[in-house]
Amino acid sequence: MPATSKAQQKAAGAALSAKRGETKKSELKGASKGMYESMNEKQLEEFAETKRKGLPEKKSQD
């Protein structure tokens, strides 16, 4: 499942970095902290590898 916004893609990248031990979990904030706790590494990879071109900055509220 690809990310639907640049903010979501960026948060997934931060959470993935923490999952891999590249950054500290304590440095995570907001959405990335929630993603770290609720998603596995494979799911985070799918979000983080989404191409940013054409994505909105933030997800629109429906």
PDB file of N, CA and C in Angstrom:
ATOM      1  N   MET A   1       0.843  -1.178   0.000  1.00  0.00           N
ATOM      2  CA  MET A   1       0.000   0.000   0.000  1.00  0.00           C
ATOM      3  C   MET A   1       0.889   1.242   0.000  1.00  0.00           C
ATOM      4  N   PRO A   2       0.788   2.064  -0.990  1.00  0.00           N
ATOM      5  CA  PRO A   2       1.634   3.267  -1.063  1.00  0.00           C
ATOM      6  C   PRO A   2       1.131   4.377  -0.145  1.00  0.00           C
ATOM      7  N   ALA A   3       2.031   5.269   0.216  1.00  0.00           N
ATOM      8  CA  ALA A   3       1.668   6.441   1.014  1.00  0.00           C
ATOM      9  C   ALA A   3       0.766   7.342   0.185  1.00  0.00           C
ATOM     10  N   THR A   4      -0.117   8.079   0.849  1.00  0.00           N
ATOM     11  CA  THR A   4      -1.036   8.960   0.139  1.00  0.00           C
ATOM     12  C   THR A   4      -0.635  10.426   0.235  1.00  0.00           C
ATOM     13  N   SER A   5       0.452  10.718   0.947  1.00  0.00           N
ATOM     14  CA  SER A   5       0.943  12.088   1.037  1.00  0.00           C
ATOM     15  C   SER A   5       2.436  12.073   1.350  1.00  0.00           C
ATOM     16  N   LYS A   6       3.081  13.210   1.110  1.00  0.00           N
ATOM     17  CA  LYS A   6       4.503  13.327   1.417  1.00  0.00           C
ATOM     18  C   LYS A   6       4.746  13.204   2.914  1.00  0.00           C
ATOM     19  N   ALA A   7       3.847  13.749   3.726  1.00  0.00           N
ATOM     20  CA  ALA A   7       3.988  13.677   5.177  1.00  0.00           C
ATOM     21  C   ALA A   7       3.918  12.228   5.652  1.00  0.00           C
ATOM     22  N   GLN A   8       3.018  11.448   5.081  1.00  0.00           N
ATOM     23  CA  GLN A   8       2.878  10.037   5.448  1.00  0.00           C
ATOM     24  C   GLN A   8       4.116   9.256   5.028  1.00  0.00           C
ATOM     25  N   GLN A   9       4.651   9.541   3.865  1.00  0.00           N
ATOM     26  CA  GLN A   9       5.844   8.862   3.370  1.00  0.00           C
ATOM     27  C   GLN A   9       7.037   9.173   4.259  1.00  0.00           C
ATOM     28  N   LYS A  10       7.159  10.412   4.669  1.00  0.00           N
ATOM     29  CA  LYS A  10       8.259  10.838   5.522  1.00  0.00           C
ATOM     30  C   LYS A  10       8.159  10.199   6.915  1.00  0.00           C
ATOM     31  N   ALA A  11       6.958  10.136   7.471  1.00  0.00           N
ATOM     32  CA  ALA A  11       6.747   9.519   8.779  1.00  0.00           C
ATOM     33  C   ALA A  11       7.086   8.027   8.733  1.00  0.00           C
ATOM     34  N   ALA A  12       6.718   7.368   7.649  1.00  0.00           N
ATOM     35  CA  ALA A  12       7.026   5.948   7.495  1.00  0.00           C
ATOM     36  C   ALA A  12       8.531   5.738   7.408  1.00  0.00           C
ATOM     37  N   GLY A  13       9.225   6.625   6.726  1.00  0.00           N
ATOM     38  CA  GLY A  13      10.679   6.522   6.635  1.00  0.00           C
ATOM     39  C   GLY A  13      11.344   6.658   7.992  1.00  0.00           C
ATOM     40  N   ALA A  14      10.850   7.571   8.809  1.00  0.00           N
ATOM     41  CA  ALA A  14      11.400   7.761  10.150  1.00  0.00           C
ATOM     42  C   ALA A  14      11.133   6.527  11.016  1.00  0.00           C
ATOM     43  N   ALA A  15       9.918   5.994  10.941  1.00  0.00           N
ATOM     44  CA  ALA A  15       9.573   4.799  11.714  1.00  0.00           C
ATOM     45  C   ALA A  15      10.394   3.597  11.265  1.00  0.00           C
ATOM     46  N   LEU A  16      10.605   3.472   9.971  1.00  0.00           N
ATOM     47  CA  LEU A  16      11.402   2.375   9.437  1.00  0.00           C
ATOM     48  C   LEU A  16      12.845   2.469   9.921  1.00  0.00           C
ATOM     49  N   SER A  17      13.377   3.662   9.948  1.00  0.00           N
ATOM     50  CA  SER A  17      14.737   3.870  10.436  1.00  0.00           C
ATOM     51  C   SER A  17      14.873   3.420  11.891  1.00  0.00           C
ATOM     52  N   ALA A  18      13.864   3.710  12.695  1.00  0.00           N
ATOM     53  CA  ALA A  18      13.885   3.295  14.099  1.00  0.00           C
ATOM     54  C   ALA A  18      13.730   1.774  14.223  1.00  0.00           C
ATOM     55  N   LYS A  19      12.879   1.188  13.394  1.00  0.00           N
ATOM     56  CA  LYS A  19      12.697  -0.274  13.414  1.00  0.00           C
ATOM     57  C   LYS A  19      14.015  -0.981  13.113  1.00  0.00           C
ATOM     58  N   ARG A  20      14.794  -0.410  12.224  1.00  0.00           N
ATOM     59  CA  ARG A  20      16.072  -1.013  11.824  1.00  0.00           C
ATOM     60  C   ARG A  20      17.198  -0.672  12.796  1.00  0.00           C
ATOM     61  N   GLY A  21      16.915   0.168  13.788  1.00  0.00           N
ATOM     62  CA  GLY A  21      17.916   0.522  14.770  1.00  0.00           C
ATOM     63  C   GLY A  21      18.856   1.627  14.321  1.00  0.00           C
ATOM     64  N   GLU A  22      18.520   2.300  13.241  1.00  0.00           N
ATOM     65  CA  GLU A  22      19.369   3.369  12.716  1.00  0.00           C
ATOM     66  C   GLU A  22      19.174   4.674  13.483  1.00  0.00           C
ATOM     67  N   THR A  23      17.985   4.851  14.053  1.00  0.00           N
ATOM     68  CA  THR A  23      17.706   6.000  14.916  1.00  0.00           C
ATOM     69  C   THR A  23      17.030   5.475  16.174  1.00  0.00           C
ATOM     70  N   LYS A  24      16.978   6.315  17.201  1.00  0.00           N
ATOM     71  CA  LYS A  24      16.370   5.903  18.465  1.00  0.00           C
ATOM     72  C   LYS A  24      14.853   6.042  18.412  1.00  0.00           C
ATOM     73  N   LYS A  25      14.169   5.081  19.012  1.00  0.00           N
ATOM     74  CA  LYS A  25      12.713   5.120  19.070  1.00  0.00           C
ATOM     75  C   LYS A  25      12.251   6.377  19.806  1.00  0.00           C
ATOM     76  N   SER A  26      13.004   6.803  20.793  1.00  0.00           N
ATOM     77  CA  SER A  26      12.634   7.980  21.586  1.00  0.00           C
ATOM     78  C   SER A  26      12.642   9.269  20.767  1.00  0.00           C
ATOM     79  N   GLU A  27      13.270   9.264  19.606  1.00  0.00           N
ATOM     80  CA  GLU A  27      13.312  10.446  18.738  1.00  0.00           C
ATOM     81  C   GLU A  27      12.062  10.578  17.870  1.00  0.00           C
ATOM     82  N   LEU A  28      11.235   9.540  17.823  1.00  0.00           N
ATOM     83  CA  LEU A  28      10.027   9.569  17.004  1.00  0.00           C
ATOM     84  C   LEU A  28       8.950  10.428  17.646  1.00  0.00           C
ATOM     85  N   LYS A  29       8.176  11.105  16.794  1.00  0.00           N
ATOM     86  CA  LYS A  29       7.080  11.952  17.260  1.00  0.00           C
ATOM     87  C   LYS A  29       5.856  11.719  16.388  1.00  0.00           C
ATOM     88  N   GLY A  30       4.707  11.978  16.921  1.00  0.00           N
ATOM     89  CA  GLY A  30       3.466  11.965  16.153  1.00  0.00           C
ATOM     90  C   GLY A  30       3.189  10.688  15.387  1.00  0.00           C
ATOM     91  N   ALA A  31       2.910  10.852  14.101  1.00  0.00           N
ATOM     92  CA  ALA A  31       2.512   9.731  13.252  1.00  0.00           C
ATOM     93  C   ALA A  31       3.591   8.661  13.142  1.00  0.00           C
ATOM     94  N   SER A  32       4.850   9.078  13.102  1.00  0.00           N
ATOM     95  CA  SER A  32       5.918   8.091  12.964  1.00  0.00           C
ATOM     96  C   SER A  32       5.986   7.180  14.183  1.00  0.00           C
ATOM     97  N   LYS A  33       5.688   7.708  15.363  1.00  0.00           N
ATOM     98  CA  LYS A  33       5.680   6.903  16.582  1.00  0.00           C
ATOM     99  C   LYS A  33       4.555   5.873  16.524  1.00  0.00           C
ATOM    100  N   GLY A  34       3.382   6.303  16.056  1.00  0.00           N
ATOM    101  CA  GLY A  34       2.254   5.386  15.907  1.00  0.00           C
ATOM    102  C   GLY A  34       2.518   4.315  14.874  1.00  0.00           C
ATOM    103  N   MET A  35       3.141   4.705  13.766  1.00  0.00           N
ATOM    104  CA  MET A  35       3.483   3.744  12.714  1.00  0.00           C
ATOM    105  C   MET A  35       4.493   2.720  13.228  1.00  0.00           C
ATOM    106  N   TYR A  36       5.461   3.172  14.000  1.00  0.00           N
ATOM    107  CA  TYR A  36       6.485   2.280  14.553  1.00  0.00           C
ATOM    108  C   TYR A  36       5.833   1.181  15.380  1.00  0.00           C
ATOM    109  N   GLU A  37       4.847   1.564  16.180  1.00  0.00           N
ATOM    110  CA  GLU A  37       4.203   0.617  17.085  1.00  0.00           C
ATOM    111  C   GLU A  37       3.188  -0.288  16.404  1.00  0.00           C
ATOM    112  N   SER A  38       2.557   0.189  15.335  1.00  0.00           N
ATOM    113  CA  SER A  38       1.455  -0.576  14.750  1.00  0.00           C
ATOM    114  C   SER A  38       1.780  -1.308  13.451  1.00  0.00           C
ATOM    115  N   MET A  39       2.937  -1.027  12.847  1.00  0.00           N
ATOM    116  CA  MET A  39       3.261  -1.631  11.555  1.00  0.00           C
ATOM    117  C   MET A  39       4.552  -2.427  11.625  1.00  0.00           C
ATOM    118  N   ASN A  40       4.626  -3.462  10.789  1.00  0.00           N
ATOM    119  CA  ASN A  40       5.871  -4.226  10.736  1.00  0.00           C
ATOM    120  C   ASN A  40       6.810  -3.598   9.695  1.00  0.00           C
ATOM    121  N   GLU A  41       8.028  -4.103   9.637  1.00  0.00           N
ATOM    122  CA  GLU A  41       9.048  -3.516   8.762  1.00  0.00           C
ATOM    123  C   GLU A  41       8.642  -3.557   7.289  1.00  0.00           C
ATOM    124  N   LYS A  42       8.025  -4.631   6.868  1.00  0.00           N
ATOM    125  CA  LYS A  42       7.594  -4.762   5.466  1.00  0.00           C
ATOM    126  C   LYS A  42       6.558  -3.699   5.111  1.00  0.00           C
ATOM    127  N   GLN A  43       5.586  -3.474   5.991  1.00  0.00           N
ATOM    128  CA  GLN A  43       4.560  -2.462   5.739  1.00  0.00           C
ATOM    129  C   GLN A  43       5.188  -1.070   5.679  1.00  0.00           C
ATOM    130  N   LEU A  44       6.116  -0.792   6.590  1.00  0.00           N
ATOM    131  CA  LEU A  44       6.777   0.501   6.600  1.00  0.00           C
ATOM    132  C   LEU A  44       7.590   0.715   5.328  1.00  0.00           C
ATOM    133  N   GLU A  45       8.231  -0.340   4.837  1.00  0.00           N
ATOM    134  CA  GLU A  45       9.000  -0.243   3.593  1.00  0.00           C
ATOM    135  C   GLU A  45       8.092   0.159   2.439  1.00  0.00           C
ATOM    136  N   GLU A  46       6.896  -0.433   2.373  1.00  0.00           N
ATOM    137  CA  GLU A  46       5.963  -0.126   1.293  1.00  0.00           C
ATOM    138  C   GLU A  46       5.556   1.352   1.310  1.00  0.00           C
ATOM    139  N   PHE A  47       5.310   1.891   2.495  1.00  0.00           N
ATOM    140  CA  PHE A  47       4.957   3.300   2.607  1.00  0.00           C
ATOM    141  C   PHE A  47       6.152   4.188   2.284  1.00  0.00           C
ATOM    142  N   ALA A  48       7.303   3.854   2.838  1.00  0.00           N
ATOM    143  CA  ALA A  48       8.481   4.703   2.703  1.00  0.00           C
ATOM    144  C   ALA A  48       9.030   4.744   1.283  1.00  0.00           C
ATOM    145  N   GLU A  49       8.857   3.672   0.521  1.00  0.00           N
ATOM    146  CA  GLU A  49       9.423   3.647  -0.831  1.00  0.00           C
ATOM    147  C   GLU A  49       8.527   4.311  -1.871  1.00  0.00           C
ATOM    148  N   THR A  50       7.378   4.815  -1.458  1.00  0.00           N
ATOM    149  CA  THR A  50       6.480   5.525  -2.373  1.00  0.00           C
ATOM    150  C   THR A  50       7.195   6.732  -2.968  1.00  0.00           C
ATOM    151  N   LYS A  51       7.099   6.893  -4.265  1.00  0.00           N
ATOM    152  CA  LYS A  51       7.691   8.053  -4.928  1.00  0.00           C
ATOM    153  C   LYS A  51       6.951   9.311  -4.485  1.00  0.00           C
ATOM    154  N   ARG A  52       7.693  10.354  -4.171  1.00  0.00           N
ATOM    155  CA  ARG A  52       7.100  11.594  -3.664  1.00  0.00           C
ATOM    156  C   ARG A  52       6.517  12.470  -4.768  1.00  0.00           C
ATOM    157  N   LYS A  53       6.991  12.295  -5.985  1.00  0.00           N
ATOM    158  CA  LYS A  53       6.514  13.132  -7.087  1.00  0.00           C
ATOM    159  C   LYS A  53       5.007  12.944  -7.273  1.00  0.00           C
ATOM    160  N   GLY A  54       4.293  14.050  -7.271  1.00  0.00           N
ATOM    161  CA  GLY A  54       2.854  14.006  -7.486  1.00  0.00           C
ATOM    162  C   GLY A  54       2.022  13.829  -6.228  1.00  0.00           C
ATOM    163  N   LEU A  55       2.649  13.554  -5.099  1.00  0.00           N
ATOM    164  CA  LEU A  55       1.904  13.406  -3.859  1.00  0.00           C
ATOM    165  C   LEU A  55       1.624  14.782  -3.246  1.00  0.00           C
ATOM    166  N   PRO A  56       0.464  14.943  -2.614  1.00  0.00           N
ATOM    167  CA  PRO A  56       0.211  16.202  -1.905  1.00  0.00           C
ATOM    168  C   PRO A  56       1.073  16.257  -0.637  1.00  0.00           C
ATOM    169  N   GLU A  57       1.291  17.467  -0.124  1.00  0.00           N
ATOM    170  CA  GLU A  57       2.078  17.607   1.107  1.00  0.00           C
ATOM    171  C   GLU A  57       1.413  16.855   2.254  1.00  0.00           C
ATOM    172  N   LYS A  58       0.121  17.048   2.397  1.00  0.00           N
ATOM    173  CA  LYS A  58      -0.639  16.382   3.453  1.00  0.00           C
ATOM    174  C   LYS A  58      -1.866  15.736   2.854  1.00  0.00           C
ATOM    175  N   LYS A  59      -2.346  14.721   3.519  1.00  0.00           N
ATOM    176  CA  LYS A  59      -3.554  14.025   3.074  1.00  0.00           C
ATOM    177  C   LYS A  59      -4.754  14.936   3.263  1.00  0.00           C
ATOM    178  N   SER A  60      -5.599  15.023   2.266  1.00  0.00           N
ATOM    179  CA  SER A  60      -6.779  15.881   2.373  1.00  0.00           C
ATOM    180  C   SER A  60      -7.803  15.242   3.313  1.00  0.00           C
ATOM    181  N   GLN A  61      -8.530  16.079   4.020  1.00  0.00           N
ATOM    182  CA  GLN A  61      -9.571  15.607   4.926  1.00  0.00           C
ATOM    183  C   GLN A  61     -10.840  15.406   4.133  1.00  0.00           C
ATOM    184  N   ASP A  62     -11.365  14.185   4.119  1.00  0.00           N
ATOM    185  CA  ASP A  62     -12.601  13.889   3.365  1.00  0.00           C
ATOM    186  C   ASP A  62     -13.819  14.090   4.212  1.00  0.00           C
TER     187      ASP A  62
END
